[in-house]
Amino acid sequence: MLEFRDIAITDKNKICTALKKSDFMGCEYSFANNMAWKRLADSQICFYKEFYICGAFSTDDGTPHFILPAGSGDYCDVINELKNFSNSLNKPLVLTGVTENSLKMLGELFPDAFTAEYDRDSSDYIYDSQKFITLQGKNNHGKRNHLARFMELSPVYSPVTDNDIDDCITFCTKEYNDRSDNADHSFIAEQYAINTYFSYFHELGLSAGLIRIDGNIAAVSIGEQLNSDTFCVHIEKADTHYNGIYTGIANLFAKNNAAGFKYINREEDLGLEGLRKSKLSYHPEFLLNKYIVTFK
């Protein structure tokens, strides 16, 4: 029987080996993300042969939700193990973040054995990195103007160093405390995630950048290489008193960290109208569509 436990920094090498073998593009397939966001839904992990499995055990209906295992080996074997585990809890097996390619694979391996529901709120926004950085094209005319006006504030961009980490945590904490809705569990989990990213910054192998205006931190962003051709942006925090600050940090962080990659994954919109509008305004190359798969 599979045995799940909390994720730890010492799991990095083993997990990253499995993730590299699968080379998935979904933002779920990041050791840093899995570790940082574990409090959001009581995430736990386990290993089965050459597979890495991560599951959320605190869900609305009490049914654990697992991402499709990453690694190498027999997918029939590992999925059946997960089915047995779920059945032992008197629950169906539920897989989340299943992309169209993975959905096709599951359909071939388990015909007529599950239902699939499109999960638009969890679908990732994937951008062509050069188009995102250069903002080329008529449809980005407004973005270019917005960025030009922001640059008139004389922002100073720099990579985050050890000397900046405490200031970055303080900045993000203030942004969290200034929220009127900061009691929401997801925002509390986000603050834990940010602290985890910075507390294990070097161990996680993250990239981070900040913008200072008049000597004060005005924005912070964190990301990392996700797979062989994709850079993923995990966190963006900015002081909206500065007009265009989010456009500024998005552009400068990508220019300094994602230029060597084909794609940039800016993660999902969680069904939040403002976030969806913002992500669509950058004209993604495509949505990495995701599905929730429930076995019968």
Protein backbone atom coordinates (compact mmCIF):
# COMPACT_ATOMS: atom_id res chain seq x y z
CA MET A 1 0.00 0.00 0.00
CA LEU A 2 1.21 3.51 -0.80
CA GLU A 3 2.40 5.50 2.21
CA PHE A 4 2.08 9.28 2.01
CA ARG A 5 4.02 11.81 4.11
CA ASP A 6 5.03 15.46 4.19
CA ILE A 7 7.46 16.69 1.57
CA ALA A 8 10.93 17.77 2.77
CA ILE A 9 13.86 19.64 1.27
CA THR A 10 15.85 16.39 1.39
CA ASP A 11 13.44 14.93 -1.20
CA LYS A 12 14.59 17.37 -3.87
CA ASN A 13 17.05 15.20 -5.81
CA LYS A 14 14.76 12.19 -5.99
CA ILE A 15 11.70 14.24 -6.96
CA CYS A 16 13.55 16.35 -9.52
CA THR A 17 14.92 13.19 -11.14
CA ALA A 18 11.37 11.92 -11.66
CA LEU A 19 10.13 15.31 -12.87
CA LYS A 20 12.97 15.56 -15.39
CA LYS A 21 12.07 12.18 -16.87
CA SER A 22 8.48 13.27 -17.52
CA ASP A 23 9.35 16.83 -18.65
CA PHE A 24 5.78 17.96 -18.02
CA MET A 25 4.88 21.63 -18.63
CA GLY A 26 2.19 22.02 -15.94
CA CYS A 27 3.10 24.22 -12.99
CA GLU A 28 2.22 21.37 -10.62
CA TYR A 29 5.37 19.56 -11.70
CA SER A 30 7.80 21.68 -9.70
CA PHE A 31 9.50 20.54 -6.52
CA ALA A 32 9.61 24.14 -5.27
CA ASN A 33 5.89 24.61 -5.91
CA ASN A 34 4.98 21.33 -4.21
CA MET A 35 7.02 22.18 -1.16
CA ALA A 36 5.98 25.82 -0.90
CA TRP A 37 2.23 25.27 -1.35
CA LYS A 38 1.86 22.14 0.80
CA ARG A 39 -0.31 23.96 3.36
CA LEU A 40 -2.94 24.98 0.81
CA ALA A 41 -4.57 21.55 0.71
CA ASP A 42 -2.45 19.42 3.06
CA SER A 43 -0.28 18.06 0.25
CA GLN A 44 1.60 14.84 0.87
CA ILE A 45 3.92 12.77 -1.27
CA CYS A 46 5.08 9.23 -1.85
CA PHE A 47 7.23 7.26 -4.27
CA TYR A 48 6.26 4.13 -6.16
CA LYS A 49 9.05 2.41 -8.05
CA GLU A 50 10.38 5.16 -10.38
CA PHE A 51 7.33 7.39 -9.95
CA TYR A 52 6.79 10.48 -7.81
CA ILE A 53 3.24 11.08 -6.55
CA CYS A 54 1.85 14.22 -4.91
CA GLY A 55 -1.66 14.46 -3.52
CA ALA A 56 -3.91 17.03 -1.86
CA PHE A 57 -5.62 15.51 1.16
CA SER A 58 -7.70 18.47 2.33
CA THR A 59 -10.41 18.92 -0.30
CA ASP A 60 -13.98 20.19 -0.31
CA ASP A 61 -15.48 16.71 -0.67
CA GLY A 62 -12.91 14.88 1.46
CA THR A 63 -11.58 12.95 -1.55
CA PRO A 64 -7.80 13.10 -2.04
CA HIS A 65 -6.79 14.64 -5.36
CA PHE A 66 -3.55 13.49 -7.01
CA ILE A 67 -1.53 14.91 -9.86
CA LEU A 68 -0.64 12.38 -12.53
CA PRO A 69 2.51 10.62 -11.29
CA ALA A 70 5.78 11.81 -12.81
CA GLY A 71 8.71 9.57 -13.61
CA SER A 72 9.18 6.45 -15.68
CA GLY A 73 7.66 3.01 -15.75
CA ASP A 74 4.31 1.32 -16.22
CA TYR A 75 1.48 3.86 -15.90
CA CYS A 76 -1.11 1.09 -15.66
CA ASP A 77 0.74 -0.21 -12.63
CA VAL A 78 1.05 3.09 -10.77
CA ILE A 79 -2.53 4.20 -11.55
CA ASN A 80 -3.86 0.88 -10.27
CA GLU A 81 -1.86 1.39 -7.06
CA LEU A 82 -3.46 4.80 -6.67
CA LYS A 83 -6.90 3.29 -7.33
CA ASN A 84 -6.29 0.70 -4.62
CA PHE A 85 -5.20 3.41 -2.20
CA SER A 86 -8.29 5.52 -2.91
CA ASN A 87 -10.55 2.49 -2.66
CA SER A 88 -9.08 1.75 0.78
CA LEU A 89 -10.48 5.15 1.83
CA ASN A 90 -13.82 4.31 0.18
CA LYS A 91 -13.14 7.10 -2.31
CA PRO A 92 -12.76 7.14 -6.10
CA LEU A 93 -9.39 7.95 -7.61
CA VAL A 94 -9.29 11.61 -8.68
CA LEU A 95 -6.46 13.02 -10.78
CA THR A 96 -6.13 16.77 -11.30
CA GLY A 97 -4.06 18.91 -13.65
CA VAL A 98 -4.38 16.26 -16.38
CA THR A 99 -3.35 17.80 -19.72
CA GLU A 100 -4.81 16.81 -23.08
CA ASN A 101 -1.78 14.63 -23.89
CA SER A 102 -2.04 12.83 -20.56
CA LEU A 103 -5.80 12.50 -20.95
CA LYS A 104 -5.27 10.75 -24.27
CA MET A 105 -2.77 8.37 -22.67
CA LEU A 106 -5.17 7.54 -19.83
CA GLY A 107 -7.97 6.94 -22.34
CA GLU A 108 -5.84 4.41 -24.18
CA LEU A 109 -4.79 2.64 -20.99
CA PHE A 110 -8.17 2.74 -19.23
CA PRO A 111 -10.92 2.97 -21.88
CA ASP A 112 -14.35 3.94 -20.49
CA ALA A 113 -12.97 3.73 -16.94
CA PHE A 114 -13.22 7.42 -15.96
CA THR A 115 -14.93 10.73 -16.56
CA ALA A 116 -13.05 13.92 -17.43
CA GLU A 117 -14.13 17.47 -16.56
CA TYR A 118 -12.44 20.49 -18.12
CA ASP A 119 -10.87 22.62 -15.38
CA ARG A 120 -10.52 26.07 -16.97
CA ASP A 121 -9.60 27.74 -13.66
CA SER A 122 -6.49 25.53 -13.35
CA SER A 123 -5.32 25.74 -16.95
CA ASP A 124 -1.88 27.35 -17.29
CA TYR A 125 -1.12 30.38 -19.45
CA ILE A 126 1.81 29.65 -21.77
CA TYR A 127 3.56 32.49 -23.58
CA ASP A 128 6.18 32.64 -26.29
CA SER A 129 9.09 34.05 -24.30
CA GLN A 130 10.41 36.40 -27.00
CA LYS A 131 6.96 37.81 -27.77
CA PHE A 132 6.33 38.29 -24.05
CA ILE A 133 9.64 40.08 -23.53
CA THR A 134 9.58 42.28 -26.64
CA LEU A 135 5.82 42.93 -26.59
CA GLN A 136 5.94 42.89 -30.38
CA GLY A 137 2.85 43.26 -32.53
CA LYS A 138 -0.13 45.61 -32.81
CA ASN A 139 -2.06 43.82 -30.07
CA ASN A 140 0.68 44.73 -27.56
CA HIS A 141 0.73 48.44 -28.44
CA GLY A 142 -1.02 49.33 -25.17
CA LYS A 143 1.39 47.20 -23.13
CA ARG A 144 4.39 48.87 -24.73
CA ASN A 145 3.01 52.31 -23.91
CA HIS A 146 2.21 51.22 -20.35
CA LEU A 147 5.76 49.93 -19.91
CA ALA A 148 7.26 53.10 -21.36
CA ARG A 149 5.33 55.25 -18.90
CA PHE A 150 6.42 53.02 -16.04
CA MET A 151 10.08 53.32 -17.05
CA GLU A 152 9.77 57.10 -16.61
CA LEU A 153 9.74 56.37 -12.85
CA SER A 154 13.40 55.31 -13.18
CA PRO A 155 12.92 51.82 -11.70
CA VAL A 156 16.07 49.91 -10.79
CA TYR A 157 15.86 46.17 -11.43
CA SER A 158 18.30 43.74 -9.84
CA PRO A 159 18.53 40.02 -9.06
CA VAL A 160 17.67 39.15 -5.47
CA THR A 161 20.79 38.51 -3.39
CA ASP A 162 21.19 37.17 0.14
CA ASN A 163 21.26 40.76 1.36
CA ASP A 164 17.81 41.39 -0.14
CA ILE A 165 15.93 38.35 1.17
CA ASP A 166 14.81 39.79 4.51
CA ASP A 167 13.63 42.98 2.79
CA CYS A 168 11.72 40.92 0.20
CA ILE A 169 9.97 38.92 2.93
CA THR A 170 9.07 42.15 4.74
CA PHE A 171 7.74 43.67 1.51
CA CYS A 172 5.57 40.63 0.71
CA THR A 173 4.33 40.46 4.33
CA LYS A 174 3.27 44.11 4.20
CA GLU A 175 1.43 43.47 0.91
CA TYR A 176 -0.34 40.54 2.59
CA ASN A 177 -1.20 42.53 5.74
CA ASP A 178 -2.63 45.38 3.66
CA ARG A 179 -5.24 43.08 2.14
CA SER A 180 -8.75 43.54 3.51
CA ASP A 181 -9.41 39.83 2.87
CA ASN A 182 -6.16 38.44 4.25
CA ALA A 183 -7.95 35.94 6.50
CA ASP A 184 -8.74 33.84 3.41
CA HIS A 185 -6.99 30.47 3.68
CA SER A 186 -5.47 30.73 0.18
CA PHE A 187 -3.79 34.03 1.03
CA ILE A 188 -2.42 32.58 4.26
CA ALA A 189 -1.07 29.63 2.27
CA GLU A 190 0.44 32.03 -0.25
CA GLN A 191 2.31 33.87 2.48
CA TYR A 192 3.67 30.54 3.74
CA ALA A 193 4.71 29.72 0.16
CA ILE A 194 6.58 33.01 -0.23
CA ASN A 195 8.41 32.48 3.05
CA THR A 196 9.32 28.95 1.95
CA TYR A 197 10.67 30.18 -1.39
CA PHE A 198 12.94 32.68 0.33
CA SER A 199 13.89 30.49 3.31
CA TYR A 200 15.12 27.75 0.95
CA PHE A 201 16.05 30.06 -1.90
CA HIS A 202 19.40 28.49 -2.77
CA GLU A 203 18.38 24.90 -1.98
CA LEU A 204 15.38 25.22 -4.32
CA GLY A 205 17.50 26.70 -7.11
CA LEU A 206 15.13 29.62 -7.67
CA SER A 207 15.58 32.85 -9.57
CA ALA A 208 14.21 36.09 -8.13
CA GLY A 209 14.28 39.73 -9.08
CA LEU A 210 13.17 42.98 -7.51
CA ILE A 211 12.47 46.55 -8.54
CA ARG A 212 13.44 49.50 -6.39
CA ILE A 213 12.04 52.99 -6.92
CA ASP A 214 13.66 55.80 -4.97
CA GLY A 215 15.58 53.17 -3.05
CA ASN A 216 12.49 51.27 -1.85
CA ILE A 217 11.36 47.82 -2.98
CA ALA A 218 8.35 48.23 -5.27
CA ALA A 219 8.03 44.71 -6.72
CA VAL A 220 9.34 41.16 -6.33
CA SER A 221 9.09 38.12 -8.59
CA ILE A 222 10.19 34.49 -8.17
CA GLY A 223 10.50 31.74 -10.78
CA GLU A 224 12.54 28.81 -12.06
CA GLN A 225 13.21 26.52 -14.97
CA LEU A 226 10.21 24.18 -15.10
CA ASN A 227 11.17 21.73 -17.84
CA SER A 228 13.48 21.52 -20.83
CA ASP A 229 12.05 24.54 -22.67
CA THR A 230 9.86 26.41 -20.17
CA PHE A 231 10.49 28.99 -17.44
CA CYS A 232 7.77 29.27 -14.79
CA VAL A 233 6.87 32.42 -12.86
CA HIS A 234 5.66 31.44 -9.39
CA ILE A 235 5.18 34.74 -7.60
CA GLU A 236 4.69 38.41 -8.50
CA LYS A 237 4.13 40.98 -5.77
CA ALA A 238 4.05 44.72 -6.41
CA ASP A 239 3.08 48.04 -4.85
CA THR A 240 0.20 49.25 -7.02
CA HIS A 241 0.74 52.84 -5.93
CA TYR A 242 3.19 52.85 -8.84
CA ASN A 243 1.30 52.93 -12.11
CA GLY A 244 2.37 50.07 -14.40
CA ILE A 245 4.36 48.27 -11.71
CA TYR A 246 3.03 44.80 -12.60
CA THR A 247 3.80 45.34 -16.28
CA GLY A 248 7.26 46.46 -15.25
CA ILE A 249 8.15 43.54 -13.01
CA ALA A 250 6.70 41.00 -15.46
CA ASN A 251 8.76 42.39 -18.31
CA LEU A 252 12.03 42.97 -16.48
CA PHE A 253 11.94 39.63 -14.66
CA ALA A 254 11.24 37.74 -17.89
CA LYS A 255 13.92 39.68 -19.79
CA ASN A 256 16.54 38.82 -17.17
CA ASN A 257 15.55 35.19 -16.51
CA ALA A 258 13.45 33.66 -19.28
CA ALA A 259 15.10 34.92 -22.47
CA GLY A 260 16.84 31.59 -23.07
CA PHE A 261 13.62 29.56 -22.94
CA LYS A 262 11.03 28.92 -25.64
CA TYR A 263 8.06 29.38 -23.32
CA ILE A 264 7.04 31.13 -20.13
CA ASN A 265 4.42 29.48 -17.91
CA ARG A 266 2.63 32.12 -15.82
CA GLU A 267 0.45 29.52 -14.11
CA GLU A 268 -3.34 29.53 -13.73
CA ASP A 269 -5.88 32.26 -12.94
CA LEU A 270 -7.82 30.31 -10.26
CA GLY A 271 -11.05 31.59 -11.77
CA LEU A 272 -10.35 35.12 -10.51
CA GLU A 273 -11.81 37.59 -13.01
CA GLY A 274 -9.12 40.26 -12.58
CA LEU A 275 -6.29 37.75 -12.83
CA ARG A 276 -7.84 36.14 -15.91
CA LYS A 277 -8.20 39.51 -17.62
CA SER A 278 -4.58 40.36 -16.82
CA LYS A 279 -3.18 37.06 -18.10
CA LEU A 280 -5.25 37.20 -21.29
CA SER A 281 -4.08 40.76 -21.95
CA TYR A 282 -0.58 39.37 -22.66
CA HIS A 283 -2.01 37.15 -25.42
CA PRO A 284 -0.81 33.66 -24.45
CA GLU A 285 0.56 31.42 -27.14
CA PHE A 286 -1.85 28.79 -25.82
CA LEU A 287 -3.61 27.59 -22.72
CA LEU A 288 -2.28 24.37 -21.25
CA ASN A 289 -5.75 22.92 -20.80
CA LYS A 290 -6.25 20.74 -17.75
CA TYR A 291 -8.88 18.23 -16.71
CA ILE A 292 -10.10 16.58 -13.54
CA VAL A 293 -10.25 12.82 -14.07
CA THR A 294 -12.46 10.71 -11.80
CA PHE A 295 -12.26 6.94 -12.09
CA LYS A 296 -15.50 5.00 -11.89
